[in-house]
């Protein structure tokens, strides 16, 4: 009888673990979203129009271009996460071992990447205040999604150009991607202030 009760308790734990995202994953996602959000705000707040719009001498994006790219890409990845969970079957393949590599590779500015045309800056937002508001709304939406979902985000998979990832990792991609481009903004601003 004790064995049956133990097996039943273990099966309930296993079903529960499969059914919901772990609190540790949720906490890490939200902390990373919050930290990268604050870094963007700290980087762009108080910039003059000249600094905001300055493009590097060697070519590339201005701070405003990089910020727009962050917003457009974040919107697409958020839609991908929502669509994947709504339309895909859950699987139990564990990809969590790659979390650190995904963050490290994405945030690293040492490897240059050409963005897809749909993610190029196009002047969609009129000004910095509108962009900061859009970022605030996006991060609030993502945080609410992470806190309220009943799905185990580890059990839903999508494919990006670098391989298959789970939805926890896709949410980490959003933060790592914004971190990468915040580094880019800081590089542009360093060149601007050195002139």
N, C-alpha and C. Protein backbone atom coordinates (compact mmCIF):
# COMPACT_ATOMS: atom_id res chain seq x y z
N UNK A 1 0.82 -1.20 0.00
CA UNK A 1 0.00 0.00 0.00
C UNK A 1 0.86 1.26 0.00
N UNK A 2 1.94 1.26 0.83
CA UNK A 2 2.83 2.41 0.87
C UNK A 2 3.47 2.66 -0.49
N UNK A 3 3.80 1.56 -1.20
CA UNK A 3 4.39 1.69 -2.53
C UNK A 3 3.40 2.34 -3.49
N UNK A 4 2.16 1.94 -3.41
CA UNK A 4 1.13 2.51 -4.28
C UNK A 4 0.95 3.99 -4.00
N UNK A 5 0.90 4.36 -2.73
CA UNK A 5 0.76 5.77 -2.36
C UNK A 5 1.98 6.56 -2.83
N UNK A 6 3.17 5.98 -2.64
CA UNK A 6 4.40 6.65 -3.07
C UNK A 6 4.42 6.84 -4.58
N UNK A 7 4.03 5.81 -5.32
CA UNK A 7 3.97 5.91 -6.78
C UNK A 7 2.94 6.94 -7.22
N UNK A 8 1.80 6.97 -6.54
CA UNK A 8 0.77 7.95 -6.86
C UNK A 8 1.28 9.36 -6.62
N UNK A 9 1.92 9.58 -5.48
CA UNK A 9 2.47 10.90 -5.16
C UNK A 9 3.53 11.31 -6.17
N UNK A 10 4.38 10.35 -6.54
CA UNK A 10 5.42 10.63 -7.53
C UNK A 10 4.79 10.97 -8.88
N UNK A 11 3.77 10.25 -9.27
CA UNK A 11 3.12 10.53 -10.56
C UNK A 11 2.44 11.89 -10.56
N UNK A 12 1.86 12.29 -9.44
CA UNK A 12 1.26 13.63 -9.35
C UNK A 12 2.34 14.70 -9.50
N UNK A 13 3.49 14.47 -8.86
CA UNK A 13 4.60 15.42 -8.97
C UNK A 13 5.07 15.50 -10.42
N UNK A 14 5.21 14.34 -11.08
CA UNK A 14 5.67 14.31 -12.46
C UNK A 14 4.70 15.02 -13.39
N UNK A 15 3.41 14.79 -13.21
CA UNK A 15 2.40 15.46 -14.02
C UNK A 15 2.44 16.96 -13.77
N UNK A 16 2.57 17.34 -12.52
CA UNK A 16 2.64 18.76 -12.18
C UNK A 16 3.88 19.40 -12.78
N UNK A 17 5.01 18.72 -12.72
CA UNK A 17 6.25 19.26 -13.27
C UNK A 17 6.13 19.41 -14.78
N UNK A 18 5.45 18.47 -15.43
CA UNK A 18 5.28 18.53 -16.88
C UNK A 18 4.28 19.62 -17.26
N UNK A 19 3.34 19.91 -16.39
CA UNK A 19 2.23 20.79 -16.73
C UNK A 19 2.54 22.27 -16.59
N UNK A 20 3.50 22.65 -15.78
CA UNK A 20 3.74 24.07 -15.55
C UNK A 20 5.22 24.40 -15.62
N UNK A 21 5.48 25.64 -15.99
CA UNK A 21 6.84 26.14 -16.02
C UNK A 21 7.35 26.27 -14.59
N UNK A 22 8.60 25.91 -14.36
CA UNK A 22 9.13 25.98 -13.00
C UNK A 22 9.21 27.42 -12.53
N UNK A 23 9.11 27.60 -11.23
CA UNK A 23 9.23 28.93 -10.64
C UNK A 23 10.62 29.50 -10.90
N UNK A 24 11.63 28.66 -10.90
CA UNK A 24 13.00 29.12 -11.16
C UNK A 24 13.11 29.68 -12.59
N UNK A 25 12.51 28.98 -13.56
CA UNK A 25 12.52 29.48 -14.94
C UNK A 25 11.78 30.81 -15.04
N UNK A 26 10.59 30.86 -14.43
CA UNK A 26 9.80 32.09 -14.48
C UNK A 26 10.57 33.25 -13.86
N UNK A 27 11.17 33.01 -12.71
CA UNK A 27 11.91 34.06 -12.01
C UNK A 27 13.09 34.55 -12.86
N UNK A 28 13.81 33.61 -13.48
CA UNK A 28 14.96 34.01 -14.30
C UNK A 28 14.52 34.80 -15.53
N UNK A 29 13.47 34.35 -16.20
CA UNK A 29 12.96 35.07 -17.38
C UNK A 29 12.61 36.50 -16.99
N UNK A 30 11.86 36.66 -15.92
CA UNK A 30 11.38 37.98 -15.52
C UNK A 30 12.54 38.87 -15.07
N UNK A 31 13.48 38.31 -14.34
CA UNK A 31 14.65 39.12 -13.92
C UNK A 31 15.46 39.58 -15.13
N UNK A 32 15.63 38.71 -16.11
CA UNK A 32 16.40 39.07 -17.31
C UNK A 32 15.64 40.10 -18.15
N UNK A 33 14.34 39.91 -18.30
CA UNK A 33 13.53 40.92 -19.01
C UNK A 33 13.61 42.28 -18.32
N UNK A 34 13.53 42.27 -16.99
CA UNK A 34 13.56 43.52 -16.22
C UNK A 34 14.93 44.19 -16.32
N UNK A 35 15.98 43.41 -16.18
CA UNK A 35 17.34 43.98 -16.22
C UNK A 35 17.66 44.57 -17.60
N UNK A 36 17.30 43.86 -18.66
CA UNK A 36 17.59 44.38 -20.00
C UNK A 36 16.71 45.58 -20.32
N UNK A 37 15.49 45.59 -19.84
CA UNK A 37 14.61 46.74 -20.00
C UNK A 37 15.24 47.96 -19.34
N UNK A 38 15.65 47.80 -18.10
CA UNK A 38 16.23 48.93 -17.37
C UNK A 38 17.52 49.42 -18.03
N UNK A 39 18.31 48.50 -18.58
CA UNK A 39 19.54 48.90 -19.26
C UNK A 39 19.25 49.76 -20.49
N UNK A 40 18.21 49.40 -21.23
CA UNK A 40 17.82 50.22 -22.39
C UNK A 40 17.39 51.60 -21.92
N UNK A 41 16.52 51.64 -20.91
CA UNK A 41 16.03 52.93 -20.39
C UNK A 41 17.20 53.79 -19.93
N UNK A 42 18.13 53.21 -19.17
CA UNK A 42 19.29 53.96 -18.69
C UNK A 42 20.16 54.46 -19.83
N UNK A 43 20.24 53.68 -20.89
CA UNK A 43 21.09 54.05 -22.03
C UNK A 43 20.50 55.20 -22.83
N UNK A 44 19.19 55.21 -23.03
CA UNK A 44 18.60 56.21 -23.94
C UNK A 44 18.05 57.44 -23.23
N UNK A 45 17.72 57.32 -21.94
CA UNK A 45 17.17 58.49 -21.23
C UNK A 45 18.16 59.64 -21.25
N UNK A 46 17.67 60.82 -21.53
CA UNK A 46 18.50 62.02 -21.48
C UNK A 46 19.38 62.25 -22.69
N UNK A 47 19.29 61.38 -23.71
CA UNK A 47 20.11 61.59 -24.89
C UNK A 47 19.63 62.81 -25.69
N UNK A 48 20.56 63.56 -26.18
CA UNK A 48 20.22 64.66 -27.09
C UNK A 48 19.76 64.07 -28.42
N UNK A 49 19.09 64.88 -29.22
CA UNK A 49 18.67 64.41 -30.55
C UNK A 49 19.88 64.01 -31.39
N UNK A 50 20.98 64.77 -31.24
CA UNK A 50 22.19 64.44 -32.00
C UNK A 50 22.72 63.06 -31.62
N UNK A 51 22.77 62.77 -30.33
CA UNK A 51 23.25 61.46 -29.87
C UNK A 51 22.27 60.36 -30.29
N UNK A 52 20.99 60.60 -30.15
CA UNK A 52 19.93 59.64 -30.49
C UNK A 52 20.00 59.24 -31.96
N UNK A 53 20.31 60.19 -32.83
CA UNK A 53 20.27 59.95 -34.28
C UNK A 53 21.65 59.74 -34.91
N UNK A 54 22.72 59.83 -34.13
CA UNK A 54 24.08 59.71 -34.68
C UNK A 54 24.31 58.31 -35.25
N UNK A 55 24.85 58.26 -36.47
CA UNK A 55 25.23 56.98 -37.09
C UNK A 55 26.74 56.90 -37.13
N UNK A 56 27.29 55.73 -36.80
CA UNK A 56 28.75 55.58 -36.77
C UNK A 56 29.40 55.92 -38.11
N UNK A 57 30.64 56.40 -38.03
CA UNK A 57 31.38 56.77 -39.24
C UNK A 57 31.57 55.60 -40.19
N UNK A 58 31.75 54.42 -39.64
CA UNK A 58 31.95 53.22 -40.47
C UNK A 58 30.63 52.66 -41.00
N UNK A 59 29.53 53.32 -40.71
CA UNK A 59 28.22 52.84 -41.13
C UNK A 59 27.54 52.06 -40.00
N UNK A 60 26.29 51.79 -40.18
CA UNK A 60 25.54 51.05 -39.17
C UNK A 60 24.39 51.88 -38.63
N UNK A 61 23.80 51.37 -37.59
CA UNK A 61 22.59 51.95 -37.03
C UNK A 61 22.88 53.01 -35.98
N UNK A 62 21.98 53.95 -35.91
CA UNK A 62 21.97 54.91 -34.80
C UNK A 62 21.36 54.22 -33.58
N UNK A 63 21.40 54.92 -32.45
CA UNK A 63 20.73 54.41 -31.24
C UNK A 63 19.25 54.22 -31.51
N UNK A 64 18.63 55.20 -32.18
CA UNK A 64 17.19 55.07 -32.47
C UNK A 64 16.90 53.89 -33.39
N UNK A 65 17.79 53.63 -34.37
CA UNK A 65 17.62 52.47 -35.26
C UNK A 65 17.72 51.16 -34.48
N UNK A 66 18.72 51.06 -33.60
CA UNK A 66 18.91 49.84 -32.82
C UNK A 66 17.71 49.60 -31.89
N UNK A 67 17.21 50.68 -31.29
CA UNK A 67 16.05 50.56 -30.40
C UNK A 67 14.83 50.09 -31.19
N UNK A 68 14.61 50.66 -32.36
CA UNK A 68 13.47 50.23 -33.18
C UNK A 68 13.60 48.76 -33.54
N UNK A 69 14.80 48.33 -33.90
CA UNK A 69 15.03 46.93 -34.24
C UNK A 69 14.69 46.02 -33.05
N UNK A 70 15.08 46.43 -31.85
CA UNK A 70 14.74 45.67 -30.64
C UNK A 70 13.22 45.50 -30.54
N UNK A 71 12.50 46.60 -30.71
CA UNK A 71 11.03 46.56 -30.57
C UNK A 71 10.37 45.69 -31.63
N UNK A 72 10.79 45.83 -32.87
CA UNK A 72 10.18 45.06 -33.96
C UNK A 72 10.45 43.57 -33.78
N UNK A 73 11.67 43.24 -33.42
CA UNK A 73 12.04 41.83 -33.23
C UNK A 73 11.32 41.24 -32.02
N UNK A 74 11.25 42.02 -30.94
CA UNK A 74 10.57 41.56 -29.72
C UNK A 74 9.10 41.27 -30.01
N UNK A 75 8.47 42.12 -30.79
CA UNK A 75 7.07 41.91 -31.16
C UNK A 75 6.91 40.59 -31.93
N UNK A 76 7.82 40.33 -32.86
CA UNK A 76 7.75 39.10 -33.65
C UNK A 76 7.98 37.86 -32.78
N UNK A 77 8.98 37.91 -31.89
CA UNK A 77 9.26 36.77 -31.02
C UNK A 77 8.12 36.51 -30.03
N UNK A 78 7.51 37.58 -29.55
CA UNK A 78 6.37 37.42 -28.64
C UNK A 78 5.22 36.72 -29.37
N UNK A 79 4.94 37.16 -30.59
CA UNK A 79 3.92 36.51 -31.40
C UNK A 79 4.25 35.05 -31.68
N UNK A 80 5.53 34.77 -31.90
CA UNK A 80 5.95 33.39 -32.14
C UNK A 80 5.70 32.53 -30.91
N UNK A 81 6.02 33.05 -29.73
CA UNK A 81 5.81 32.29 -28.50
C UNK A 81 4.33 32.01 -28.29
N UNK A 82 3.50 33.03 -28.44
CA UNK A 82 2.05 32.85 -28.25
C UNK A 82 1.48 31.87 -29.27
N UNK A 83 1.90 32.00 -30.52
CA UNK A 83 1.41 31.11 -31.57
C UNK A 83 1.86 29.68 -31.38
N UNK A 84 3.10 29.49 -30.97
CA UNK A 84 3.63 28.14 -30.75
C UNK A 84 2.85 27.42 -29.66
N UNK A 85 2.59 28.12 -28.58
CA UNK A 85 1.85 27.50 -27.46
C UNK A 85 0.40 27.21 -27.87
N UNK A 86 -0.20 28.10 -28.63
CA UNK A 86 -1.60 27.92 -29.04
C UNK A 86 -1.76 26.82 -30.08
N UNK A 87 -0.75 26.63 -30.93
CA UNK A 87 -0.93 25.75 -32.08
C UNK A 87 -0.08 24.49 -32.09
N UNK A 88 0.78 24.31 -31.12
CA UNK A 88 1.70 23.17 -31.14
C UNK A 88 1.33 22.15 -30.07
N UNK A 89 1.83 20.96 -30.29
CA UNK A 89 1.69 19.90 -29.29
C UNK A 89 2.88 19.99 -28.33
N UNK A 90 2.63 19.77 -27.07
CA UNK A 90 3.70 19.77 -26.08
C UNK A 90 4.56 18.52 -26.25
N UNK A 91 5.85 18.68 -26.06
CA UNK A 91 6.78 17.55 -26.08
C UNK A 91 7.60 17.61 -24.79
N UNK A 92 8.24 16.52 -24.45
CA UNK A 92 9.02 16.54 -23.21
C UNK A 92 10.52 16.55 -23.48
N UNK A 93 10.96 16.81 -24.69
CA UNK A 93 12.40 16.90 -24.99
C UNK A 93 13.01 18.06 -24.19
N UNK A 94 14.04 17.77 -23.44
CA UNK A 94 14.67 18.78 -22.57
C UNK A 94 15.81 19.47 -23.30
N UNK A 95 15.64 20.74 -23.59
CA UNK A 95 16.66 21.54 -24.27
C UNK A 95 17.32 22.53 -23.32
N UNK A 96 16.99 22.47 -22.04
CA UNK A 96 17.41 23.49 -21.09
C UNK A 96 18.92 23.62 -20.94
N UNK A 97 19.65 22.57 -21.28
CA UNK A 97 21.11 22.62 -21.15
C UNK A 97 21.71 23.74 -22.01
N UNK A 98 21.00 24.16 -23.04
CA UNK A 98 21.52 25.18 -23.97
C UNK A 98 21.20 26.61 -23.55
N UNK A 99 20.51 26.82 -22.44
CA UNK A 99 20.11 28.18 -22.03
C UNK A 99 21.29 29.15 -22.03
N UNK A 100 22.36 28.79 -21.36
CA UNK A 100 23.52 29.67 -21.23
C UNK A 100 24.18 29.96 -22.56
N UNK A 101 24.27 28.94 -23.41
CA UNK A 101 24.88 29.15 -24.73
C UNK A 101 24.04 30.10 -25.57
N UNK A 102 22.74 29.95 -25.50
CA UNK A 102 21.86 30.83 -26.27
C UNK A 102 22.04 32.27 -25.84
N UNK A 103 22.03 32.50 -24.53
CA UNK A 103 22.21 33.87 -24.03
C UNK A 103 23.58 34.41 -24.43
N UNK A 104 24.62 33.62 -24.19
CA UNK A 104 25.98 34.07 -24.50
C UNK A 104 26.19 34.36 -25.97
N UNK A 105 25.70 33.48 -26.83
CA UNK A 105 25.89 33.68 -28.27
C UNK A 105 25.09 34.86 -28.79
N UNK A 106 23.89 35.03 -28.29
CA UNK A 106 23.05 36.12 -28.79
C UNK A 106 23.50 37.48 -28.29
N UNK A 107 23.88 37.57 -27.05
CA UNK A 107 24.27 38.87 -26.48
C UNK A 107 25.65 39.30 -26.97
N UNK A 108 26.46 38.38 -27.45
CA UNK A 108 27.83 38.65 -27.88
C UNK A 108 27.86 39.49 -29.16
N UNK A 109 28.51 40.63 -29.10
CA UNK A 109 28.63 41.50 -30.28
C UNK A 109 29.83 41.12 -31.14
N UNK A 110 30.61 40.13 -30.72
CA UNK A 110 31.79 39.73 -31.50
C UNK A 110 31.43 39.09 -32.83
N UNK A 111 30.28 38.47 -32.89
CA UNK A 111 29.82 37.87 -34.13
C UNK A 111 28.80 38.80 -34.77
N UNK A 112 29.13 39.30 -35.96
CA UNK A 112 28.23 40.22 -36.65
C UNK A 112 27.17 39.42 -37.41
N UNK A 113 25.96 39.92 -37.39
CA UNK A 113 24.83 39.26 -38.03
C UNK A 113 24.09 40.31 -38.86
N UNK A 114 23.67 39.92 -40.05
CA UNK A 114 22.83 40.80 -40.87
C UNK A 114 21.38 40.44 -40.60
N UNK A 115 20.60 41.45 -40.25
CA UNK A 115 19.20 41.19 -39.89
C UNK A 115 18.34 40.95 -41.13
N UNK A 116 17.27 40.24 -40.95
CA UNK A 116 16.30 40.02 -42.03
C UNK A 116 15.60 41.33 -42.36
N UNK A 117 15.21 41.52 -43.61
CA UNK A 117 14.60 42.80 -44.03
C UNK A 117 13.41 43.23 -43.18
N UNK A 118 12.58 42.30 -42.73
CA UNK A 118 11.39 42.67 -41.96
C UNK A 118 11.74 43.23 -40.58
N UNK A 119 13.00 43.06 -40.15
CA UNK A 119 13.43 43.57 -38.85
C UNK A 119 14.30 44.82 -38.95
N UNK A 120 14.46 45.32 -40.16
CA UNK A 120 15.23 46.56 -40.38
C UNK A 120 14.43 47.74 -39.83
N UNK A 121 15.13 48.75 -39.28
CA UNK A 121 14.43 49.96 -38.83
C UNK A 121 13.79 50.69 -40.01
N UNK A 122 12.57 51.17 -39.78
CA UNK A 122 11.84 51.85 -40.87
C UNK A 122 11.20 53.17 -40.43
N UNK A 123 11.46 53.59 -39.21
CA UNK A 123 10.86 54.83 -38.71
C UNK A 123 9.44 54.64 -38.21
N UNK A 124 9.13 53.47 -37.73
CA UNK A 124 7.77 53.14 -37.28
C UNK A 124 7.31 54.01 -36.11
N UNK A 125 8.23 54.35 -35.19
CA UNK A 125 7.88 55.19 -34.05
C UNK A 125 8.37 56.61 -34.30
N UNK A 126 7.61 57.58 -33.81
CA UNK A 126 7.93 58.98 -34.07
C UNK A 126 9.05 59.52 -33.20
N UNK A 127 9.18 58.99 -31.98
CA UNK A 127 10.16 59.58 -31.07
C UNK A 127 10.55 58.60 -29.97
N UNK A 128 11.52 59.01 -29.20
CA UNK A 128 12.05 58.17 -28.12
C UNK A 128 10.99 57.85 -27.08
N UNK A 129 10.16 58.82 -26.72
CA UNK A 129 9.13 58.59 -25.71
C UNK A 129 8.16 57.50 -26.15
N UNK A 130 7.78 57.51 -27.42
CA UNK A 130 6.88 56.47 -27.94
C UNK A 130 7.55 55.10 -27.90
N UNK A 131 8.84 55.08 -28.19
CA UNK A 131 9.57 53.81 -28.18
C UNK A 131 9.72 53.28 -26.76
N UNK A 132 10.01 54.15 -25.82
CA UNK A 132 10.10 53.73 -24.42
C UNK A 132 8.76 53.21 -23.92
N UNK A 133 7.68 53.86 -24.33
CA UNK A 133 6.34 53.40 -23.95
C UNK A 133 6.05 52.03 -24.56
N UNK A 134 6.43 51.84 -25.83
CA UNK A 134 6.21 50.55 -26.49
C UNK A 134 7.01 49.44 -25.79
N UNK A 135 8.23 49.75 -25.38
CA UNK A 135 9.04 48.77 -24.66
C UNK A 135 8.41 48.42 -23.31
N UNK A 136 7.94 49.44 -22.61
CA UNK A 136 7.28 49.22 -21.31
C UNK A 136 6.06 48.31 -21.48
N UNK A 137 5.26 48.59 -22.48
CA UNK A 137 4.06 47.77 -22.73
C UNK A 137 4.44 46.33 -23.09
N UNK A 138 5.47 46.19 -23.92
CA UNK A 138 5.90 44.86 -24.33
C UNK A 138 6.41 44.05 -23.15
N UNK A 139 7.25 44.67 -22.32
CA UNK A 139 7.81 43.94 -21.18
C UNK A 139 6.72 43.63 -20.15
N UNK A 140 5.76 44.53 -19.96
CA UNK A 140 4.64 44.23 -19.06
C UNK A 140 3.83 43.05 -19.58
N UNK A 141 3.59 43.04 -20.89
CA UNK A 141 2.84 41.94 -21.51
C UNK A 141 3.59 40.61 -21.34
N UNK A 142 4.90 40.63 -21.57
CA UNK A 142 5.68 39.41 -21.43
C UNK A 142 5.71 38.91 -19.98
N UNK A 143 5.87 39.84 -19.04
CA UNK A 143 5.89 39.46 -17.63
C UNK A 143 4.55 38.87 -17.21
N UNK A 144 3.47 39.49 -17.65
CA UNK A 144 2.13 38.97 -17.34
C UNK A 144 1.95 37.58 -17.95
N UNK A 145 2.40 37.41 -19.18
CA UNK A 145 2.31 36.11 -19.85
C UNK A 145 3.06 35.04 -19.06
N UNK A 146 4.29 35.34 -18.67
CA UNK A 146 5.10 34.37 -17.92
C UNK A 146 4.42 34.03 -16.58
N UNK A 147 3.92 35.05 -15.89
CA UNK A 147 3.29 34.82 -14.58
C UNK A 147 1.96 34.09 -14.67
N UNK A 148 1.24 34.25 -15.77
CA UNK A 148 -0.12 33.72 -15.82
C UNK A 148 -0.27 32.42 -16.62
N UNK A 149 0.72 32.05 -17.42
CA UNK A 149 0.54 30.87 -18.26
C UNK A 149 0.49 29.60 -17.42
N UNK A 150 -0.39 28.71 -17.81
CA UNK A 150 -0.47 27.39 -17.19
C UNK A 150 0.38 26.38 -17.95
N UNK A 151 0.84 26.76 -19.12
CA UNK A 151 1.63 25.85 -19.96
C UNK A 151 3.04 25.72 -19.41
N UNK A 152 3.63 24.56 -19.60
CA UNK A 152 5.05 24.40 -19.31
C UNK A 152 5.80 24.88 -20.56
N UNK A 153 6.39 26.04 -20.47
CA UNK A 153 7.05 26.65 -21.63
C UNK A 153 8.22 25.81 -22.14
N UNK A 154 8.75 24.95 -21.30
CA UNK A 154 9.83 24.05 -21.72
C UNK A 154 9.33 22.99 -22.70
N UNK A 155 8.03 22.74 -22.73
CA UNK A 155 7.48 21.65 -23.53
C UNK A 155 6.99 22.08 -24.91
N UNK A 156 7.15 23.36 -25.24
CA UNK A 156 6.75 23.85 -26.55
C UNK A 156 7.99 24.33 -27.28
N UNK A 157 8.16 23.86 -28.51
CA UNK A 157 9.40 24.10 -29.26
C UNK A 157 9.13 24.89 -30.53
N UNK A 158 10.15 25.65 -30.93
CA UNK A 158 10.13 26.38 -32.20
C UNK A 158 11.54 26.28 -32.78
N UNK A 159 11.66 26.59 -34.05
CA UNK A 159 12.96 26.56 -34.71
C UNK A 159 13.35 27.96 -35.15
N UNK A 160 14.54 28.37 -34.75
CA UNK A 160 15.14 29.63 -35.20
C UNK A 160 16.32 29.27 -36.11
N UNK A 161 16.92 30.24 -36.77
CA UNK A 161 18.03 29.91 -37.68
C UNK A 161 19.17 29.11 -37.03
N UNK A 162 19.35 29.25 -35.72
CA UNK A 162 20.44 28.53 -35.06
C UNK A 162 20.01 27.20 -34.45
N UNK A 163 18.73 26.82 -34.58
CA UNK A 163 18.29 25.52 -34.10
C UNK A 163 16.98 25.54 -33.34
N UNK A 164 16.62 24.38 -32.80
CA UNK A 164 15.37 24.22 -32.05
C UNK A 164 15.55 24.77 -30.64
N UNK A 165 14.54 25.49 -30.17
CA UNK A 165 14.55 26.04 -28.81
C UNK A 165 13.17 25.83 -28.19
N UNK A 166 13.14 25.87 -26.86
CA UNK A 166 11.85 25.83 -26.18
C UNK A 166 11.39 27.27 -25.89
N UNK A 167 10.19 27.42 -25.38
CA UNK A 167 9.63 28.76 -25.20
C UNK A 167 10.28 29.53 -24.05
N UNK A 168 10.82 28.84 -23.06
CA UNK A 168 11.62 29.54 -22.05
C UNK A 168 12.80 30.19 -22.77
N UNK A 169 13.46 29.42 -23.62
CA UNK A 169 14.61 29.93 -24.35
C UNK A 169 14.23 31.05 -25.30
N UNK A 170 13.06 30.98 -25.92
CA UNK A 170 12.63 32.06 -26.80
C UNK A 170 12.46 33.35 -26.01
N UNK A 171 11.93 33.25 -24.81
CA UNK A 171 11.80 34.45 -23.97
C UNK A 171 13.17 34.96 -23.53
N UNK A 172 14.12 34.05 -23.33
CA UNK A 172 15.49 34.47 -23.03
C UNK A 172 16.15 35.11 -24.25
N UNK A 173 15.80 34.62 -25.44
CA UNK A 173 16.30 35.21 -26.69
C UNK A 173 15.87 36.68 -26.78
N UNK A 174 14.64 36.98 -26.39
CA UNK A 174 14.16 38.36 -26.42
C UNK A 174 15.07 39.25 -25.59
N UNK A 175 15.39 38.83 -24.39
CA UNK A 175 16.26 39.62 -23.52
C UNK A 175 17.69 39.68 -24.04
N UNK A 176 18.23 38.54 -24.46
CA UNK A 176 19.61 38.50 -24.96
C UNK A 176 19.76 39.35 -26.21
N UNK A 177 18.77 39.30 -27.08
CA UNK A 177 18.79 40.11 -28.29
C UNK A 177 18.77 41.59 -27.95
N UNK A 178 17.94 41.98 -27.00
CA UNK A 178 17.91 43.39 -26.62
C UNK A 178 19.21 43.79 -25.92
N UNK A 179 19.81 42.86 -25.18
CA UNK A 179 21.10 43.15 -24.55
C UNK A 179 22.17 43.38 -25.62
N UNK A 180 22.18 42.54 -26.64
CA UNK A 180 23.13 42.69 -27.75
C UNK A 180 23.04 44.08 -28.36
N UNK A 181 21.81 44.53 -28.61
CA UNK A 181 21.65 45.82 -29.28
C UNK A 181 21.79 47.00 -28.32
N UNK A 182 21.64 46.77 -27.04
CA UNK A 182 21.97 47.82 -26.07
C UNK A 182 23.48 48.01 -26.04
N UNK A 183 24.24 46.91 -26.13
CA UNK A 183 25.70 47.03 -26.27
C UNK A 183 26.03 47.84 -27.53
N UNK A 184 25.31 47.57 -28.61
CA UNK A 184 25.53 48.32 -29.85
C UNK A 184 25.26 49.80 -29.63
N UNK A 185 24.16 50.13 -28.96
CA UNK A 185 23.86 51.54 -28.67
C UNK A 185 25.01 52.19 -27.91
N UNK A 186 25.53 51.47 -26.93
CA UNK A 186 26.62 52.02 -26.11
C UNK A 186 27.89 52.23 -26.94
N UNK A 187 28.14 51.33 -27.90
CA UNK A 187 29.28 51.50 -28.81
C UNK A 187 29.11 52.77 -29.64
N UNK A 188 27.90 52.98 -30.17
CA UNK A 188 27.61 54.16 -30.99
C UNK A 188 27.76 55.43 -30.14
N UNK A 189 27.24 55.38 -28.93
CA UNK A 189 27.34 56.56 -28.05
C UNK A 189 28.78 56.84 -27.64
N UNK A 190 29.59 55.80 -27.47
CA UNK A 190 31.00 56.01 -27.15
C UNK A 190 31.71 56.73 -28.31
N UNK A 191 31.39 56.33 -29.53
CA UNK A 191 31.98 57.02 -30.69
C UNK A 191 31.49 58.46 -30.75
N UNK A 192 30.19 58.65 -30.51
CA UNK A 192 29.62 60.01 -30.55
C UNK A 192 30.31 60.93 -29.53
N UNK A 193 30.46 60.44 -28.31
CA UNK A 193 31.04 61.30 -27.26
C UNK A 193 32.54 61.52 -27.44
N UNK A 194 33.20 60.67 -28.21
CA UNK A 194 34.64 60.84 -28.43
C UNK A 194 34.94 61.86 -29.53
N UNK A 195 33.92 62.33 -30.19
CA UNK A 195 34.14 63.27 -31.30
C UNK A 195 34.32 64.70 -30.80
